[in-house]
Amino acid sequence: MSTFKDSKERIWNMSITIGTVKAVRQLCDINLIDVGSESFFKTLVADEVAMFDMFFIILKDQAKEQDVDEESFYMGFEGDAIERA
């Protein structure tokens, strides 16, 4: 599990389950099983929006607990927060 703060100082804990892998694959066409592969990183580097779509899917339960909607989630990533994620 990886933990990071966004630019609004909200703490996010990145945890991957098979359910998460399935949801990300269905909604973003990104296969988390390929993490670490060159093609996986090329996909994310080429499309930062897809990367943060993937992050929102992974973190949506935490976002709901923090009363953070999708737009507010995306607005929390700028500057250094993008690199921390």
C-alpha atoms as a PDB file:
ATOM      1  CA  MET A   1       0.000   0.000   0.000  1.00  0.00           C
ATOM      2  CA  SER A   2       1.220   3.473  -0.884  1.00  0.00           C
ATOM      3  CA  THR A   3       0.172   6.649   0.933  1.00  0.00           C
ATOM      4  CA  PHE A   4       0.388  10.210  -0.398  1.00  0.00           C
ATOM      5  CA  LYS A   5      -1.112  13.681   0.102  1.00  0.00           C
ATOM      6  CA  ASP A   6      -2.793  15.731  -2.580  1.00  0.00           C
ATOM      7  CA  SER A   7      -2.431  19.520  -2.890  1.00  0.00           C
ATOM      8  CA  LYS A   8      -5.349  19.983  -0.476  1.00  0.00           C
ATOM      9  CA  GLU A   9      -3.422  17.988   2.177  1.00  0.00           C
ATOM     10  CA  ARG A  10      -5.877  15.081   1.983  1.00  0.00           C
ATOM     11  CA  ILE A  11      -4.265  11.724   2.666  1.00  0.00           C
ATOM     12  CA  TRP A  12      -4.854   8.872   0.217  1.00  0.00           C
ATOM     13  CA  ASN A  13      -3.952   5.206   0.741  1.00  0.00           C
ATOM     14  CA  MET A  14      -3.474   3.348  -2.534  1.00  0.00           C
ATOM     15  CA  SER A  15      -4.499  -0.292  -2.072  1.00  0.00           C
ATOM     16  CA  ILE A  16      -5.146  -2.670  -4.975  1.00  0.00           C
ATOM     17  CA  THR A  17      -7.554  -5.597  -4.843  1.00  0.00           C
ATOM     18  CA  ILE A  18      -8.787  -7.917  -7.570  1.00  0.00           C
ATOM     19  CA  GLY A  19     -12.031  -5.917  -7.521  1.00  0.00           C
ATOM     20  CA  THR A  20     -10.015  -2.775  -8.177  1.00  0.00           C
ATOM     21  CA  VAL A  21      -8.108  -4.458 -11.001  1.00  0.00           C
ATOM     22  CA  LYS A  22     -11.406  -5.462 -12.607  1.00  0.00           C
ATOM     23  CA  ALA A  23     -12.980  -1.999 -12.240  1.00  0.00           C
ATOM     24  CA  VAL A  24      -9.925  -0.205 -13.648  1.00  0.00           C
ATOM     25  CA  ARG A  25      -9.757  -2.624 -16.572  1.00  0.00           C
ATOM     26  CA  GLN A  26     -13.458  -2.145 -17.373  1.00  0.00           C
ATOM     27  CA  LEU A  27     -13.595   1.628 -16.946  1.00  0.00           C
ATOM     28  CA  CYS A  28     -10.131   2.737 -18.108  1.00  0.00           C
ATOM     29  CA  ASP A  29      -8.911  -0.141 -20.256  1.00  0.00           C
ATOM     30  CA  ILE A  30      -5.773  -0.277 -18.090  1.00  0.00           C
ATOM     31  CA  ASN A  31      -4.590  -3.637 -16.766  1.00  0.00           C
ATOM     32  CA  LEU A  32      -3.154  -3.198 -13.256  1.00  0.00           C
ATOM     33  CA  ILE A  33      -1.759  -6.728 -13.463  1.00  0.00           C
ATOM     34  CA  ASP A  34       0.801  -5.231 -15.867  1.00  0.00           C
ATOM     35  CA  VAL A  35       2.173  -2.798 -13.229  1.00  0.00           C
ATOM     36  CA  GLY A  36       5.915  -2.619 -13.683  1.00  0.00           C
ATOM     37  CA  SER A  37       5.843  -3.373 -17.386  1.00  0.00           C
ATOM     38  CA  GLU A  38       7.114  -0.862 -19.918  1.00  0.00           C
ATOM     39  CA  SER A  39       3.751  -0.750 -21.719  1.00  0.00           C
ATOM     40  CA  PHE A  40       1.925   0.053 -18.464  1.00  0.00           C
ATOM     41  CA  PHE A  41       4.160   3.051 -17.739  1.00  0.00           C
ATOM     42  CA  LYS A  42       4.036   4.244 -21.354  1.00  0.00           C
ATOM     43  CA  THR A  43       0.230   4.247 -21.155  1.00  0.00           C
ATOM     44  CA  LEU A  44       0.210   6.358 -17.988  1.00  0.00           C
ATOM     45  CA  VAL A  45       2.927   8.757 -19.095  1.00  0.00           C
ATOM     46  CA  ALA A  46       1.174   9.314 -22.417  1.00  0.00           C
ATOM     47  CA  ASP A  47      -2.174  10.107 -20.788  1.00  0.00           C
ATOM     48  CA  GLU A  48      -2.138  11.746 -17.335  1.00  0.00           C
ATOM     49  CA  VAL A  49      -5.928  12.042 -17.400  1.00  0.00           C
ATOM     50  CA  ALA A  50      -6.218   8.253 -17.732  1.00  0.00           C
ATOM     51  CA  MET A  51      -3.783   7.902 -14.840  1.00  0.00           C
ATOM     52  CA  PHE A  52      -5.946  10.061 -12.571  1.00  0.00           C
ATOM     53  CA  ASP A  53      -9.118   8.349 -13.778  1.00  0.00           C
ATOM     54  CA  MET A  54      -7.450   5.133 -12.629  1.00  0.00           C
ATOM     55  CA  PHE A  55      -6.520   6.739  -9.291  1.00  0.00           C
ATOM     56  CA  PHE A  56     -10.104   7.890  -8.725  1.00  0.00           C
ATOM     57  CA  ILE A  57     -11.430   4.391  -9.336  1.00  0.00           C
ATOM     58  CA  ILE A  58      -8.875   2.954  -6.899  1.00  0.00           C
ATOM     59  CA  LEU A  59      -9.585   5.632  -4.288  1.00  0.00           C
ATOM     60  CA  LYS A  60     -13.319   6.224  -4.790  1.00  0.00           C
ATOM     61  CA  ASP A  61     -14.347   4.578  -1.501  1.00  0.00           C
ATOM     62  CA  GLN A  62     -11.916   6.812   0.393  1.00  0.00           C
ATOM     63  CA  ALA A  63     -13.156   9.814  -1.572  1.00  0.00           C
ATOM     64  CA  LYS A  64     -16.721   8.994  -0.559  1.00  0.00           C
ATOM     65  CA  GLU A  65     -15.656   8.673   3.106  1.00  0.00           C
ATOM     66  CA  GLN A  66     -14.010  12.114   2.869  1.00  0.00           C
ATOM     67  CA  ASP A  67     -17.025  13.591   1.043  1.00  0.00           C
ATOM     68  CA  VAL A  68     -14.859  14.309  -2.025  1.00  0.00           C
ATOM     69  CA  ASP A  69     -16.630  14.118  -5.377  1.00  0.00           C
ATOM     70  CA  GLU A  70     -14.846  13.279  -8.618  1.00  0.00           C
ATOM     71  CA  GLU A  71     -14.281  16.887  -9.682  1.00  0.00           C
ATOM     72  CA  SER A  72     -12.920  17.862  -6.252  1.00  0.00           C
ATOM     73  CA  PHE A  73     -10.653  14.820  -6.333  1.00  0.00           C
ATOM     74  CA  TYR A  74      -9.101  15.907  -9.641  1.00  0.00           C
ATOM     75  CA  MET A  75      -8.745  19.498  -8.408  1.00  0.00           C
ATOM     76  CA  GLY A  76      -6.576  18.194  -5.571  1.00  0.00           C
ATOM     77  CA  PHE A  77      -3.768  17.268  -7.944  1.00  0.00           C
ATOM     78  CA  GLU A  78      -1.487  20.019  -9.129  1.00  0.00           C
ATOM     79  CA  GLY A  79       2.235  20.666  -8.988  1.00  0.00           C
ATOM     80  CA  ASP A  80       4.053  18.513  -6.441  1.00  0.00           C
ATOM     81  CA  ALA A  81       0.919  16.526  -5.630  1.00  0.00           C
ATOM     82  CA  ILE A  82       1.008  14.993  -9.120  1.00  0.00           C
ATOM     83  CA  GLU A  83       4.545  13.797  -8.528  1.00  0.00           C
ATOM     84  CA  ARG A  84       3.679  12.442  -5.049  1.00  0.00           C
ATOM     85  CA  ALA A  85       0.814  10.423  -6.497  1.00  0.00           C
END
